[in-house]
């Protein structure tokens, strides 16, 4: 089969098609004939040599796919053969065939295009776990999300609106702010022209937000904490602004803040199966009914993965980028 990988870390130009054996599903695994693969920021970081795959995972990039079940391993019902599914995977998505744990798959509802199905698992699993399970978001609260037009940002805004949470986002241009408002954010702040701390406090009458979903870290953490209400929760899911932050722990104590975070890829198969089950119970009907759809940016042929990475790194995209494999 054709897969797109790299032999040495570097820029988008290191991505290249290669011919490798089709993998064979082991126990509790399925083999997916890939239709589309999502492109995510962790793919870029992996290509740069800063985010190696966990032990046992494919070195080929790609953390989410959609397609058709082509083969099943021991312990997987053969009735799954031929079904259209989307899946969260630990690697291997940039290929014509990809292995996935059966428990990490979700059925593609009727009417959901396969390119959109491939754009759901990584952001939906990440946002659901970090906003609702780690961040304890609940109806009537307000949440601040950075990167408002990214895949994570758009999913957070849409899920928040569906579950009664007011979402304030930050974006890097007025055009992106306008797009974020159309997508479902309650407010959008251009961080290049406005101080987002001042804006958040003004929008909340000085009270602050109950939750911050942070993809920046670094020196943003101190500013994020100034945006948090008493008993607020700060959830970090990426460190694009740096891995270190200097914070006032007295402020954390006196305002009873909670600081947490997570990475999804290295979590256990059992955890991801439980997460998939919870999403199927709580969210998947919204997908099936058409109330929740990913915001799509562009699709590229698998052979043009380097162009897809270049677009993501340029920061001009709004929503999800996918690779078309079929």
Protein backbone atom coordinates (compact mmCIF):
# COMPACT_ATOMS: atom_id res chain seq x y z
CA UNK A 1 0.00 0.00 0.00
CA UNK A 2 0.96 3.65 -0.33
CA UNK A 3 1.61 5.57 2.87
CA UNK A 4 3.08 9.00 3.53
CA UNK A 5 5.83 9.18 6.10
CA UNK A 6 9.29 10.62 6.68
CA UNK A 7 12.75 9.24 7.39
CA UNK A 8 14.19 12.32 9.10
CA UNK A 9 12.45 15.13 11.00
CA UNK A 10 12.06 18.47 9.26
CA UNK A 11 9.67 20.76 7.42
CA UNK A 12 6.70 19.70 5.31
CA UNK A 13 9.05 18.79 2.46
CA UNK A 14 10.27 15.67 4.32
CA UNK A 15 6.88 14.00 3.86
CA UNK A 16 6.99 11.52 1.01
CA UNK A 17 4.92 8.60 -0.32
CA UNK A 18 6.36 5.16 0.27
CA UNK A 19 5.31 1.59 -0.47
CA UNK A 20 4.91 -0.50 2.69
CA UNK A 21 3.11 -3.77 3.54
CA UNK A 22 -0.57 -3.68 4.38
CA UNK A 23 -0.83 -4.25 8.14
CA UNK A 24 -2.62 -7.30 9.53
CA UNK A 25 -5.18 -6.80 12.31
CA UNK A 26 -4.37 -8.41 15.64
CA UNK A 27 -6.76 -9.22 18.49
CA UNK A 28 -9.50 -6.59 18.94
CA UNK A 29 -8.26 -4.70 15.88
CA UNK A 30 -9.81 -3.87 12.52
CA UNK A 31 -8.19 -3.00 9.21
CA UNK A 32 -9.71 0.10 7.61
CA UNK A 33 -9.59 0.85 3.90
CA UNK A 34 -9.02 4.55 4.40
CA UNK A 35 -11.14 7.09 2.57
CA UNK A 36 -9.94 10.23 4.39
CA UNK A 37 -7.43 11.02 7.11
CA UNK A 38 -7.55 14.08 9.34
CA UNK A 39 -4.54 16.40 9.59
CA UNK A 40 -3.87 17.66 13.10
CA UNK A 41 -1.29 19.76 14.90
CA UNK A 42 0.23 16.69 16.61
CA UNK A 43 1.06 15.34 13.11
CA UNK A 44 3.09 18.48 12.47
CA UNK A 45 4.88 18.20 15.81
CA UNK A 46 5.64 14.54 15.13
CA UNK A 47 7.09 15.42 11.73
CA UNK A 48 9.31 17.96 13.45
CA UNK A 49 10.68 15.20 15.67
CA UNK A 50 9.11 16.55 18.87
CA UNK A 51 6.24 14.09 19.39
CA UNK A 52 7.30 10.49 18.84
CA UNK A 53 4.57 7.84 18.56
CA UNK A 54 3.93 5.77 21.68
CA UNK A 55 5.43 2.27 21.88
CA UNK A 56 3.81 -0.10 19.41
CA UNK A 57 2.14 2.63 17.35
CA UNK A 58 2.74 3.11 13.63
CA UNK A 59 5.45 5.66 12.79
CA UNK A 60 3.26 6.89 9.94
CA UNK A 61 1.45 10.14 10.91
CA UNK A 62 -2.31 10.38 11.15
CA UNK A 63 -4.50 10.16 14.27
CA UNK A 64 -7.99 9.88 12.77
CA UNK A 65 -9.47 8.24 9.69
CA UNK A 66 -12.72 7.31 8.02
CA UNK A 67 -13.34 4.45 5.65
CA UNK A 68 -14.59 0.88 5.31
CA UNK A 69 -13.77 -2.12 7.46
CA UNK A 70 -11.67 -4.41 5.23
CA UNK A 71 -10.64 -7.08 7.74
CA UNK A 72 -11.07 -7.91 11.40
CA UNK A 73 -8.86 -9.54 13.99
CA UNK A 74 -9.63 -12.10 16.64
CA UNK A 75 -12.42 -11.05 18.96
CA UNK A 76 -14.03 -8.59 16.52
CA UNK A 77 -17.45 -9.50 15.08
CA UNK A 78 -17.22 -10.28 11.39
CA UNK A 79 -20.45 -8.32 10.96
CA UNK A 80 -18.25 -5.21 11.01
CA UNK A 81 -16.80 -6.13 7.59
CA UNK A 82 -17.88 -3.58 5.00
CA UNK A 83 -19.19 -1.09 7.54
CA UNK A 84 -18.32 2.59 7.18
CA UNK A 85 -16.63 3.83 10.34
CA UNK A 86 -14.45 6.62 11.67
CA UNK A 87 -11.75 5.92 14.18
CA UNK A 88 -9.27 7.46 16.58
CA UNK A 89 -5.88 5.83 15.96
CA UNK A 90 -2.44 6.18 17.53
CA UNK A 91 -0.77 6.58 14.13
CA UNK A 92 -0.87 5.24 10.60
CA UNK A 93 -3.67 7.36 9.19
CA UNK A 94 -1.75 8.74 6.22
CA UNK A 95 -2.08 5.49 4.29
CA UNK A 96 -4.39 3.45 2.09
CA UNK A 97 -5.01 1.02 4.97
CA UNK A 98 -4.86 1.66 8.70
CA UNK A 99 -5.25 -0.44 11.85
CA UNK A 100 -7.59 0.66 14.62
CA UNK A 101 -8.84 -0.81 17.85
CA UNK A 102 -12.45 -1.85 17.35
CA UNK A 103 -13.40 -0.05 20.56
CA UNK A 104 -12.04 3.24 19.23
CA UNK A 105 -14.37 3.28 16.21
CA UNK A 106 -17.72 4.96 15.70
CA UNK A 107 -20.25 4.13 12.96
CA UNK A 108 -20.64 6.74 10.24
CA UNK A 109 -24.28 7.89 10.40
CA UNK A 110 -26.32 8.07 7.21
CA UNK A 111 -25.85 11.48 5.60
CA UNK A 112 -22.44 12.19 7.14
CA UNK A 113 -19.86 12.51 4.32
CA UNK A 114 -16.70 10.51 4.86
CA UNK A 115 -14.45 13.57 4.71
CA UNK A 116 -16.39 15.05 7.63
CA UNK A 117 -16.36 11.72 9.46
CA UNK A 118 -12.55 11.70 9.31
CA UNK A 119 -12.47 15.20 10.78
CA UNK A 120 -14.36 14.26 13.95
CA UNK A 121 -12.53 11.75 16.19
CA UNK A 122 -9.38 13.62 17.26
CA UNK A 123 -11.07 16.93 18.07
CA UNK A 124 -14.27 15.42 19.45
CA UNK A 125 -12.49 12.98 21.76
CA UNK A 126 -10.09 15.71 22.90
CA UNK A 127 -12.70 18.38 23.54
CA UNK A 128 -15.20 16.07 25.21
CA UNK A 129 -12.65 14.66 27.62
CA UNK A 130 -10.95 17.93 28.50
CA UNK A 131 -13.96 20.24 28.62
CA UNK A 132 -16.55 17.96 30.18
CA UNK A 133 -14.59 15.25 32.02
CA UNK A 134 -11.49 17.11 33.20
CA UNK A 135 -12.95 20.64 33.10
CA UNK A 136 -16.36 19.73 34.54
CA UNK A 137 -18.10 22.23 32.24
CA UNK A 138 -21.81 22.52 32.85
CA UNK A 139 -24.78 24.37 31.42
CA UNK A 140 -24.80 28.10 32.09
CA UNK A 141 -21.03 28.46 32.47
CA UNK A 142 -18.64 30.50 30.34
CA UNK A 143 -15.46 29.11 28.75
CA UNK A 144 -12.46 30.80 27.14
CA UNK A 145 -10.88 28.95 24.21
CA UNK A 146 -7.73 30.02 22.39
CA UNK A 147 -7.33 29.22 18.69
CA UNK A 148 -10.98 29.83 17.98
CA UNK A 149 -10.89 28.78 14.32
CA UNK A 150 -8.67 25.71 14.75
CA UNK A 151 -10.15 22.23 14.67
CA UNK A 152 -10.20 22.14 18.48
CA UNK A 153 -11.49 25.70 18.75
CA UNK A 154 -14.37 25.20 16.33
CA UNK A 155 -15.37 21.92 17.98
CA UNK A 156 -15.27 23.52 21.44
CA UNK A 157 -17.46 26.41 20.28
CA UNK A 158 -20.01 24.10 18.66
CA UNK A 159 -20.16 21.60 21.53
CA UNK A 160 -20.36 24.42 24.03
CA UNK A 161 -23.33 25.98 22.23
CA UNK A 162 -25.10 22.60 22.06
CA UNK A 163 -24.62 21.99 25.80
CA UNK A 164 -25.54 25.47 27.03
CA UNK A 165 -22.04 26.83 27.58
CA UNK A 166 -21.12 30.35 26.48
CA UNK A 167 -17.82 30.22 24.61
CA UNK A 168 -15.43 33.16 24.24
CA UNK A 169 -12.66 32.56 21.72
CA UNK A 170 -9.48 34.35 20.70
CA UNK A 171 -8.38 34.60 17.07
CA UNK A 172 -5.57 36.30 15.16
CA UNK A 173 -7.62 38.47 12.79
CA UNK A 174 -10.97 40.18 12.46
CA UNK A 175 -11.84 37.80 9.62
CA UNK A 176 -11.24 34.80 11.84
CA UNK A 177 -13.23 36.40 14.65
CA UNK A 178 -16.17 36.82 12.28
CA UNK A 179 -15.85 33.18 11.22
CA UNK A 180 -15.77 32.04 14.85
CA UNK A 181 -18.99 33.92 15.58
CA UNK A 182 -20.69 32.27 12.60
CA UNK A 183 -19.54 28.87 13.82
CA UNK A 184 -21.03 29.25 17.29
CA UNK A 185 -18.80 31.29 19.58
CA UNK A 186 -20.66 33.82 21.73
CA UNK A 187 -17.79 36.33 21.55
CA UNK A 188 -14.53 36.49 19.59
CA UNK A 189 -11.49 38.57 20.57
CA UNK A 190 -8.74 39.58 18.16
CA UNK A 191 -5.70 38.99 20.37
CA UNK A 192 -3.48 41.04 18.04
CA UNK A 193 -5.48 44.22 18.57
CA UNK A 194 -7.05 43.71 22.01
CA UNK A 195 -5.90 42.51 25.42
CA UNK A 196 -7.90 39.32 25.83
CA UNK A 197 -7.70 39.52 29.63
CA UNK A 198 -9.35 42.94 29.68
CA UNK A 199 -11.93 41.84 27.11
CA UNK A 200 -12.85 38.67 29.00
CA UNK A 201 -13.28 40.54 32.26
CA UNK A 202 -15.41 43.16 30.52
CA UNK A 203 -17.60 40.50 28.91
CA UNK A 204 -18.12 38.76 32.26
CA UNK A 205 -18.68 41.93 34.32
CA UNK A 206 -15.38 41.34 36.08
CA UNK A 207 -16.27 37.85 37.31
CA UNK A 208 -14.16 35.88 34.84
CA UNK A 209 -14.85 32.56 33.15
CA UNK A 210 -15.39 29.21 34.82
CA UNK A 211 -13.12 27.34 32.41
CA UNK A 212 -10.14 28.00 30.13
CA UNK A 213 -9.24 25.50 27.40
CA UNK A 214 -5.62 26.35 26.68
CA UNK A 215 -3.55 25.25 23.68
CA UNK A 216 -0.79 27.84 24.13
CA UNK A 217 0.67 27.42 27.65
CA UNK A 218 3.92 29.39 28.18
CA UNK A 219 3.30 32.97 29.23
CA UNK A 220 -0.39 32.64 28.39
CA UNK A 221 -0.97 30.70 31.60
CA UNK A 222 -0.49 33.75 33.83
CA UNK A 223 -2.91 35.73 31.68
CA UNK A 224 -5.39 32.88 31.57
CA UNK A 225 -5.50 32.71 35.35
CA UNK A 226 -6.42 36.41 35.43
CA UNK A 227 -9.43 35.47 33.30
CA UNK A 228 -10.58 32.71 35.66
CA UNK A 229 -13.43 33.17 38.10
CA UNK A 230 -13.17 31.87 41.63
CA UNK A 231 -13.15 28.06 41.61
CA UNK A 232 -12.26 28.23 37.90
CA UNK A 233 -10.61 25.37 36.01
CA UNK A 234 -7.64 25.71 33.64
CA UNK A 235 -7.15 22.80 31.23
CA UNK A 236 -4.01 22.64 29.06
CA UNK A 237 -4.03 20.43 25.95
CA UNK A 238 -1.04 21.78 24.00
CA UNK A 239 2.09 23.84 24.60
CA UNK A 240 2.49 25.84 21.39
CA UNK A 241 3.74 28.84 23.38
CA UNK A 242 6.25 26.93 25.48
CA UNK A 243 6.34 24.25 28.15
CA UNK A 244 7.14 26.50 31.12
CA UNK A 245 4.93 29.00 32.91
CA UNK A 246 5.51 31.21 35.94
CA UNK A 247 2.39 31.54 38.07
CA UNK A 248 1.38 33.04 41.40
CA UNK A 249 0.48 30.07 43.57
CA UNK A 250 -1.03 32.36 46.21
CA UNK A 251 -3.57 33.41 43.57
CA UNK A 252 -4.28 29.76 42.81
CA UNK A 253 -4.92 29.08 46.51
CA UNK A 254 -6.97 32.14 47.37
CA UNK A 255 -9.17 31.86 44.26
CA UNK A 256 -9.32 28.06 44.50
CA UNK A 257 -8.24 27.46 40.92
CA UNK A 258 -7.74 24.00 39.47
CA UNK A 259 -4.94 23.46 36.95
CA UNK A 260 -5.00 20.28 34.91
CA UNK A 261 -4.36 19.00 31.41
CA UNK A 262 -3.96 15.89 29.31
CA UNK A 263 -2.64 14.31 26.14
CA UNK A 264 -4.83 11.76 24.42
CA UNK A 265 -2.47 9.74 22.23
CA UNK A 266 -0.55 7.86 24.97
CA UNK A 267 -3.65 6.95 27.01
CA UNK A 268 -4.53 3.28 27.34
CA UNK A 269 -6.71 1.42 24.88
CA UNK A 270 -9.21 0.79 27.68
CA UNK A 271 -9.48 4.51 28.44
CA UNK A 272 -10.05 5.39 24.77
CA UNK A 273 -12.72 2.68 24.50
CA UNK A 274 -14.56 4.12 27.49
CA UNK A 275 -14.26 7.59 25.99
CA UNK A 276 -15.64 6.38 22.65
CA UNK A 277 -18.57 4.76 24.47
CA UNK A 278 -19.34 7.98 26.33
CA UNK A 279 -19.21 10.02 23.13
CA UNK A 280 -21.50 7.55 21.40
CA UNK A 281 -24.00 7.84 24.26
CA UNK A 282 -23.87 11.61 24.72
CA UNK A 283 -22.87 13.18 21.42
CA UNK A 284 -23.27 10.79 18.49
CA UNK A 285 -27.03 11.38 18.14
CA UNK A 286 -26.21 15.06 17.57
CA UNK A 287 -23.94 13.99 14.72
CA UNK A 288 -26.53 11.61 13.31
CA UNK A 289 -29.21 14.32 13.42
CA UNK A 290 -26.94 16.83 11.68
CA UNK A 291 -26.76 19.18 14.68
CA UNK A 292 -23.01 18.68 15.00
CA UNK A 293 -20.78 18.77 11.95
CA UNK A 294 -17.06 19.58 11.78
CA UNK A 295 -16.03 22.84 10.16
CA UNK A 296 -14.09 21.88 7.04
CA UNK A 297 -11.23 23.89 5.62
CA UNK A 298 -9.61 22.05 2.69
CA UNK A 299 -8.97 18.54 1.44
CA UNK A 300 -5.73 17.49 -0.21
CA UNK A 301 -4.81 14.25 -2.01
CA UNK A 302 -2.73 11.91 0.14
CA UNK A 303 0.21 12.54 -2.19
CA UNK A 304 0.05 16.25 -1.27
CA UNK A 305 0.34 15.78 2.48
CA UNK A 306 3.24 18.23 2.56
CA UNK A 307 0.95 20.95 1.14
CA UNK A 308 -1.62 20.14 3.83
CA UNK A 309 1.05 20.51 6.53
CA UNK A 310 2.24 23.77 5.02
CA UNK A 311 -1.31 25.15 5.15
CA UNK A 312 -1.69 24.15 8.78
CA UNK A 313 1.63 25.75 9.72
CA UNK A 314 0.72 28.96 7.89
CA UNK A 315 -2.25 29.32 10.23
CA UNK A 316 -4.69 30.42 7.55
CA UNK A 317 -7.05 27.47 7.87
CA UNK A 318 -10.48 27.65 9.46
CA UNK A 319 -11.57 24.26 10.72
CA UNK A 320 -10.27 20.88 9.66
CA UNK A 321 -7.84 19.85 6.94
CA UNK A 322 -8.15 16.31 5.60
CA UNK A 323 -6.26 14.07 3.19
CA UNK A 324 -8.25 12.25 0.52
CA UNK A 325 -6.98 8.71 0.10
CA UNK A 326 -9.54 7.28 -2.34
